[in-house]
Amino acid sequence: MSELAGRVVALADLLDYQEGAVVSRTIIDKPTGTVTLFAFDEGQGLSEHTAPFDALVHVLEGEAAITVSGQESSVHAGEMLIMPANEPHAVRAASRFKMLLAMIR
């Protein structure tokens, strides 16, 4: 069981930014899905790829440009976007930003 189980925590405080990098921390990893926290330095990103499962991105801080099937969206703190299974998607930090990624298997 996670060391976070049963604790009240501020998600954005669980991970620090690193200059010129993308860092991540897995919060939950189960056969039914994962929940991962990411921190992106400005200009950093994840290149276009696909995943076999639906994923929900919830932006906690900052702003990101997220492209799904060629359609780019600007997503800000407090907003979310669903990336459908098997659709190409990419993430780029418009500013430093943190996001929570929930993937459902």
N, C-alpha and C. Protein backbone atom coordinates (compact mmCIF):
# COMPACT_ATOMS: atom_id res chain seq x y z
N MET A 1 0.85 -1.18 0.00
CA MET A 1 0.00 0.00 0.00
C MET A 1 0.90 1.24 0.00
N SER A 2 0.45 2.26 -0.67
CA SER A 2 1.20 3.50 -0.80
C SER A 2 1.40 4.19 0.55
N GLU A 3 2.54 4.87 0.70
CA GLU A 3 2.79 5.65 1.92
C GLU A 3 1.84 6.83 2.02
N LEU A 4 1.12 7.12 0.94
CA LEU A 4 0.16 8.23 0.94
C LEU A 4 -1.24 7.80 1.37
N ALA A 5 -1.48 6.49 1.45
CA ALA A 5 -2.81 5.98 1.78
C ALA A 5 -3.29 6.55 3.11
N GLY A 6 -4.50 7.07 3.12
CA GLY A 6 -5.11 7.60 4.34
C GLY A 6 -4.64 8.99 4.73
N ARG A 7 -3.76 9.60 3.94
CA ARG A 7 -3.23 10.93 4.25
C ARG A 7 -3.84 11.99 3.34
N VAL A 8 -4.05 13.15 3.87
CA VAL A 8 -4.47 14.30 3.06
C VAL A 8 -3.19 15.01 2.60
N VAL A 9 -3.06 15.17 1.29
CA VAL A 9 -1.86 15.80 0.74
C VAL A 9 -2.25 16.76 -0.38
N ALA A 10 -1.40 17.74 -0.61
CA ALA A 10 -1.55 18.63 -1.76
C ALA A 10 -0.76 18.01 -2.91
N LEU A 11 -1.44 17.59 -3.97
CA LEU A 11 -0.78 16.89 -5.07
C LEU A 11 0.43 17.65 -5.61
N ALA A 12 0.27 18.92 -5.86
CA ALA A 12 1.35 19.71 -6.47
C ALA A 12 2.60 19.74 -5.60
N ASP A 13 2.46 19.50 -4.30
CA ASP A 13 3.61 19.53 -3.39
C ASP A 13 4.38 18.21 -3.37
N LEU A 14 3.86 17.18 -4.03
CA LEU A 14 4.50 15.86 -3.98
C LEU A 14 5.66 15.72 -4.96
N LEU A 15 5.84 16.70 -5.85
CA LEU A 15 6.87 16.60 -6.87
C LEU A 15 7.41 17.99 -7.20
N ASP A 16 8.73 18.12 -7.26
CA ASP A 16 9.37 19.40 -7.58
C ASP A 16 9.76 19.44 -9.06
N TYR A 17 9.84 20.65 -9.59
CA TYR A 17 10.34 20.85 -10.94
C TYR A 17 11.84 20.61 -10.97
N GLN A 18 12.35 20.15 -12.13
CA GLN A 18 13.78 20.06 -12.36
C GLN A 18 14.07 20.80 -13.66
N GLU A 19 15.09 21.64 -13.63
CA GLU A 19 15.43 22.45 -14.79
C GLU A 19 15.71 21.57 -16.00
N GLY A 20 15.03 21.88 -17.12
CA GLY A 20 15.25 21.17 -18.37
C GLY A 20 14.77 19.74 -18.40
N ALA A 21 13.83 19.39 -17.53
CA ALA A 21 13.43 17.99 -17.43
C ALA A 21 11.94 17.81 -17.21
N VAL A 22 11.52 16.57 -17.40
CA VAL A 22 10.19 16.10 -17.03
C VAL A 22 10.42 15.06 -15.94
N VAL A 23 9.76 15.23 -14.81
CA VAL A 23 9.89 14.27 -13.73
C VAL A 23 8.50 13.71 -13.40
N SER A 24 8.49 12.49 -12.89
CA SER A 24 7.20 11.87 -12.58
C SER A 24 7.28 11.08 -11.28
N ARG A 25 6.11 10.86 -10.70
CA ARG A 25 5.98 10.07 -9.48
C ARG A 25 4.68 9.28 -9.58
N THR A 26 4.78 7.97 -9.50
CA THR A 26 3.59 7.12 -9.54
C THR A 26 2.90 7.18 -8.18
N ILE A 27 1.61 7.49 -8.21
CA ILE A 27 0.81 7.58 -6.99
C ILE A 27 0.07 6.26 -6.75
N ILE A 28 -0.52 5.70 -7.81
CA ILE A 28 -1.22 4.42 -7.74
C ILE A 28 -0.83 3.61 -8.97
N ASP A 29 -0.53 2.33 -8.76
CA ASP A 29 -0.21 1.42 -9.85
C ASP A 29 -0.92 0.10 -9.58
N LYS A 30 -2.04 -0.10 -10.25
CA LYS A 30 -2.88 -1.29 -10.06
C LYS A 30 -3.15 -1.93 -11.42
N PRO A 31 -3.56 -3.19 -11.44
CA PRO A 31 -3.91 -3.84 -12.72
C PRO A 31 -5.01 -3.09 -13.48
N THR A 32 -5.85 -2.34 -12.79
CA THR A 32 -6.96 -1.63 -13.43
C THR A 32 -6.59 -0.23 -13.90
N GLY A 33 -5.41 0.26 -13.54
CA GLY A 33 -4.99 1.57 -14.00
C GLY A 33 -3.90 2.17 -13.15
N THR A 34 -3.42 3.34 -13.60
CA THR A 34 -2.37 4.05 -12.88
C THR A 34 -2.74 5.51 -12.71
N VAL A 35 -2.17 6.11 -11.67
CA VAL A 35 -2.28 7.55 -11.44
C VAL A 35 -0.85 8.03 -11.23
N THR A 36 -0.43 8.98 -12.09
CA THR A 36 0.96 9.45 -12.06
C THR A 36 0.97 10.97 -12.05
N LEU A 37 1.82 11.53 -11.22
CA LEU A 37 2.02 12.97 -11.13
C LEU A 37 3.25 13.33 -11.97
N PHE A 38 3.14 14.39 -12.80
CA PHE A 38 4.24 14.85 -13.64
C PHE A 38 4.52 16.32 -13.36
N ALA A 39 5.80 16.70 -13.45
CA ALA A 39 6.21 18.10 -13.41
C ALA A 39 7.10 18.35 -14.64
N PHE A 40 6.70 19.31 -15.48
CA PHE A 40 7.40 19.64 -16.71
C PHE A 40 8.02 21.02 -16.58
N ASP A 41 9.30 21.13 -16.89
CA ASP A 41 9.90 22.46 -16.98
C ASP A 41 9.42 23.09 -18.28
N GLU A 42 9.41 24.42 -18.34
CA GLU A 42 8.94 25.13 -19.54
C GLU A 42 9.66 24.62 -20.78
N GLY A 43 8.88 24.35 -21.83
CA GLY A 43 9.43 23.89 -23.10
C GLY A 43 9.65 22.39 -23.19
N GLN A 44 9.55 21.69 -22.08
CA GLN A 44 9.73 20.24 -22.09
C GLN A 44 8.43 19.55 -22.49
N GLY A 45 8.53 18.29 -22.88
CA GLY A 45 7.31 17.60 -23.27
C GLY A 45 7.50 16.11 -23.47
N LEU A 46 6.44 15.50 -23.92
CA LEU A 46 6.43 14.09 -24.30
C LEU A 46 6.08 14.05 -25.78
N SER A 47 6.92 13.40 -26.58
CA SER A 47 6.69 13.36 -28.01
C SER A 47 5.45 12.52 -28.33
N GLU A 48 4.98 12.68 -29.56
CA GLU A 48 3.74 12.00 -29.95
C GLU A 48 3.88 10.49 -29.80
N HIS A 49 2.86 9.89 -29.21
CA HIS A 49 2.81 8.45 -28.99
C HIS A 49 1.35 8.04 -28.84
N THR A 50 1.11 6.75 -28.74
CA THR A 50 -0.23 6.25 -28.47
C THR A 50 -0.17 5.38 -27.22
N ALA A 51 -1.33 5.18 -26.63
CA ALA A 51 -1.45 4.29 -25.47
C ALA A 51 -2.71 3.45 -25.69
N PRO A 52 -2.70 2.21 -25.23
CA PRO A 52 -3.84 1.33 -25.46
C PRO A 52 -5.03 1.59 -24.52
N PHE A 53 -4.93 2.61 -23.68
CA PHE A 53 -5.97 2.88 -22.69
C PHE A 53 -6.34 4.36 -22.69
N ASP A 54 -7.58 4.66 -22.29
CA ASP A 54 -7.99 6.05 -22.11
C ASP A 54 -7.18 6.67 -20.97
N ALA A 55 -6.89 7.97 -21.10
CA ALA A 55 -6.15 8.67 -20.06
C ALA A 55 -6.79 10.04 -19.83
N LEU A 56 -6.86 10.43 -18.57
CA LEU A 56 -7.37 11.74 -18.19
C LEU A 56 -6.21 12.56 -17.64
N VAL A 57 -6.02 13.76 -18.21
CA VAL A 57 -5.00 14.70 -17.74
C VAL A 57 -5.71 15.80 -16.97
N HIS A 58 -5.25 16.05 -15.74
CA HIS A 58 -5.76 17.16 -14.94
C HIS A 58 -4.57 18.06 -14.64
N VAL A 59 -4.59 19.29 -15.15
CA VAL A 59 -3.49 20.23 -14.94
C VAL A 59 -3.65 20.88 -13.57
N LEU A 60 -2.59 20.77 -12.77
CA LEU A 60 -2.59 21.30 -11.40
C LEU A 60 -2.00 22.70 -11.32
N GLU A 61 -0.97 22.95 -12.12
CA GLU A 61 -0.29 24.26 -12.15
C GLU A 61 0.14 24.54 -13.58
N GLY A 62 0.17 25.80 -13.95
CA GLY A 62 0.73 26.21 -15.23
C GLY A 62 -0.16 25.95 -16.42
N GLU A 63 0.49 25.78 -17.59
CA GLU A 63 -0.23 25.63 -18.85
C GLU A 63 0.52 24.68 -19.76
N ALA A 64 -0.25 23.84 -20.48
CA ALA A 64 0.33 22.89 -21.43
C ALA A 64 -0.39 22.97 -22.75
N ALA A 65 0.33 22.61 -23.80
CA ALA A 65 -0.27 22.40 -25.12
C ALA A 65 -0.33 20.89 -25.30
N ILE A 66 -1.54 20.36 -25.40
CA ILE A 66 -1.72 18.92 -25.57
C ILE A 66 -2.37 18.69 -26.92
N THR A 67 -1.73 17.85 -27.72
CA THR A 67 -2.22 17.54 -29.05
C THR A 67 -2.76 16.12 -29.06
N VAL A 68 -4.01 15.97 -29.52
CA VAL A 68 -4.65 14.66 -29.64
C VAL A 68 -5.14 14.54 -31.08
N SER A 69 -4.64 13.54 -31.79
CA SER A 69 -5.03 13.30 -33.19
C SER A 69 -4.91 14.55 -34.04
N GLY A 70 -3.80 15.29 -33.85
CA GLY A 70 -3.53 16.48 -34.64
C GLY A 70 -4.21 17.76 -34.18
N GLN A 71 -5.08 17.67 -33.17
CA GLN A 71 -5.81 18.84 -32.66
C GLN A 71 -5.13 19.33 -31.37
N GLU A 72 -4.53 20.53 -31.41
CA GLU A 72 -3.84 21.07 -30.23
C GLU A 72 -4.81 21.86 -29.36
N SER A 73 -4.71 21.63 -28.06
CA SER A 73 -5.52 22.36 -27.07
C SER A 73 -4.59 22.95 -26.02
N SER A 74 -4.93 24.15 -25.58
CA SER A 74 -4.24 24.78 -24.48
C SER A 74 -5.01 24.43 -23.20
N VAL A 75 -4.31 23.82 -22.26
CA VAL A 75 -4.95 23.37 -21.02
C VAL A 75 -4.26 24.06 -19.85
N HIS A 76 -5.07 24.69 -18.98
CA HIS A 76 -4.56 25.50 -17.87
C HIS A 76 -4.88 24.84 -16.53
N ALA A 77 -4.22 25.35 -15.48
CA ALA A 77 -4.47 24.86 -14.12
C ALA A 77 -5.96 24.80 -13.84
N GLY A 78 -6.40 23.68 -13.30
CA GLY A 78 -7.81 23.48 -12.97
C GLY A 78 -8.61 22.85 -14.09
N GLU A 79 -8.01 22.70 -15.27
CA GLU A 79 -8.71 22.11 -16.41
C GLU A 79 -8.23 20.68 -16.66
N MET A 80 -9.05 19.92 -17.40
CA MET A 80 -8.70 18.55 -17.73
C MET A 80 -8.98 18.28 -19.19
N LEU A 81 -8.39 17.19 -19.67
CA LEU A 81 -8.57 16.76 -21.05
C LEU A 81 -8.47 15.23 -21.06
N ILE A 82 -9.32 14.59 -21.85
CA ILE A 82 -9.26 13.13 -21.99
C ILE A 82 -8.56 12.80 -23.28
N MET A 83 -7.58 11.90 -23.19
CA MET A 83 -6.87 11.39 -24.36
C MET A 83 -7.39 9.98 -24.62
N PRO A 84 -8.13 9.79 -25.71
CA PRO A 84 -8.71 8.47 -25.99
C PRO A 84 -7.65 7.41 -26.32
N ALA A 85 -7.97 6.18 -25.98
CA ALA A 85 -7.09 5.05 -26.29
C ALA A 85 -6.78 5.01 -27.79
N ASN A 86 -5.54 4.65 -28.09
CA ASN A 86 -5.06 4.40 -29.46
C ASN A 86 -5.05 5.64 -30.36
N GLU A 87 -5.24 6.82 -29.80
CA GLU A 87 -5.15 8.06 -30.58
C GLU A 87 -3.78 8.70 -30.31
N PRO A 88 -3.08 9.16 -31.35
CA PRO A 88 -1.78 9.79 -31.11
C PRO A 88 -1.94 11.08 -30.30
N HIS A 89 -1.05 11.25 -29.34
CA HIS A 89 -1.09 12.45 -28.50
C HIS A 89 0.32 12.85 -28.08
N ALA A 90 0.47 14.14 -27.75
CA ALA A 90 1.75 14.69 -27.32
C ALA A 90 1.47 15.80 -26.31
N VAL A 91 2.46 16.07 -25.46
CA VAL A 91 2.33 17.09 -24.41
C VAL A 91 3.55 18.00 -24.47
N ARG A 92 3.32 19.32 -24.40
CA ARG A 92 4.42 20.30 -24.37
C ARG A 92 4.08 21.36 -23.34
N ALA A 93 5.05 21.68 -22.49
CA ALA A 93 4.86 22.68 -21.44
C ALA A 93 4.96 24.08 -22.03
N ALA A 94 3.84 24.82 -22.04
CA ALA A 94 3.86 26.22 -22.46
C ALA A 94 4.51 27.08 -21.38
N SER A 95 4.39 26.64 -20.15
CA SER A 95 5.09 27.21 -18.99
C SER A 95 5.39 26.01 -18.09
N ARG A 96 6.10 26.23 -17.03
CA ARG A 96 6.26 25.12 -16.08
C ARG A 96 4.86 24.66 -15.69
N PHE A 97 4.65 23.36 -15.70
CA PHE A 97 3.33 22.89 -15.29
C PHE A 97 3.41 21.51 -14.67
N LYS A 98 2.40 21.24 -13.85
CA LYS A 98 2.24 19.94 -13.21
C LYS A 98 0.89 19.37 -13.61
N MET A 99 0.88 18.06 -13.85
CA MET A 99 -0.37 17.40 -14.21
C MET A 99 -0.47 16.06 -13.51
N LEU A 100 -1.71 15.66 -13.31
CA LEU A 100 -2.02 14.34 -12.79
C LEU A 100 -2.57 13.54 -13.96
N LEU A 101 -2.00 12.39 -14.24
CA LEU A 101 -2.44 11.54 -15.33
C LEU A 101 -3.07 10.28 -14.75
N ALA A 102 -4.33 10.06 -15.06
CA ALA A 102 -5.04 8.84 -14.62
C ALA A 102 -5.31 8.01 -15.86
N MET A 103 -4.75 6.81 -15.90
CA MET A 103 -4.95 5.92 -17.04
C MET A 103 -5.78 4.73 -16.58
N ILE A 104 -6.87 4.49 -17.29
CA ILE A 104 -7.80 3.40 -16.97
C ILE A 104 -7.57 2.26 -17.94
N ARG A 105 -7.32 1.08 -17.41
CA ARG A 105 -7.07 -0.10 -18.27
C ARG A 105 -8.36 -0.85 -18.50
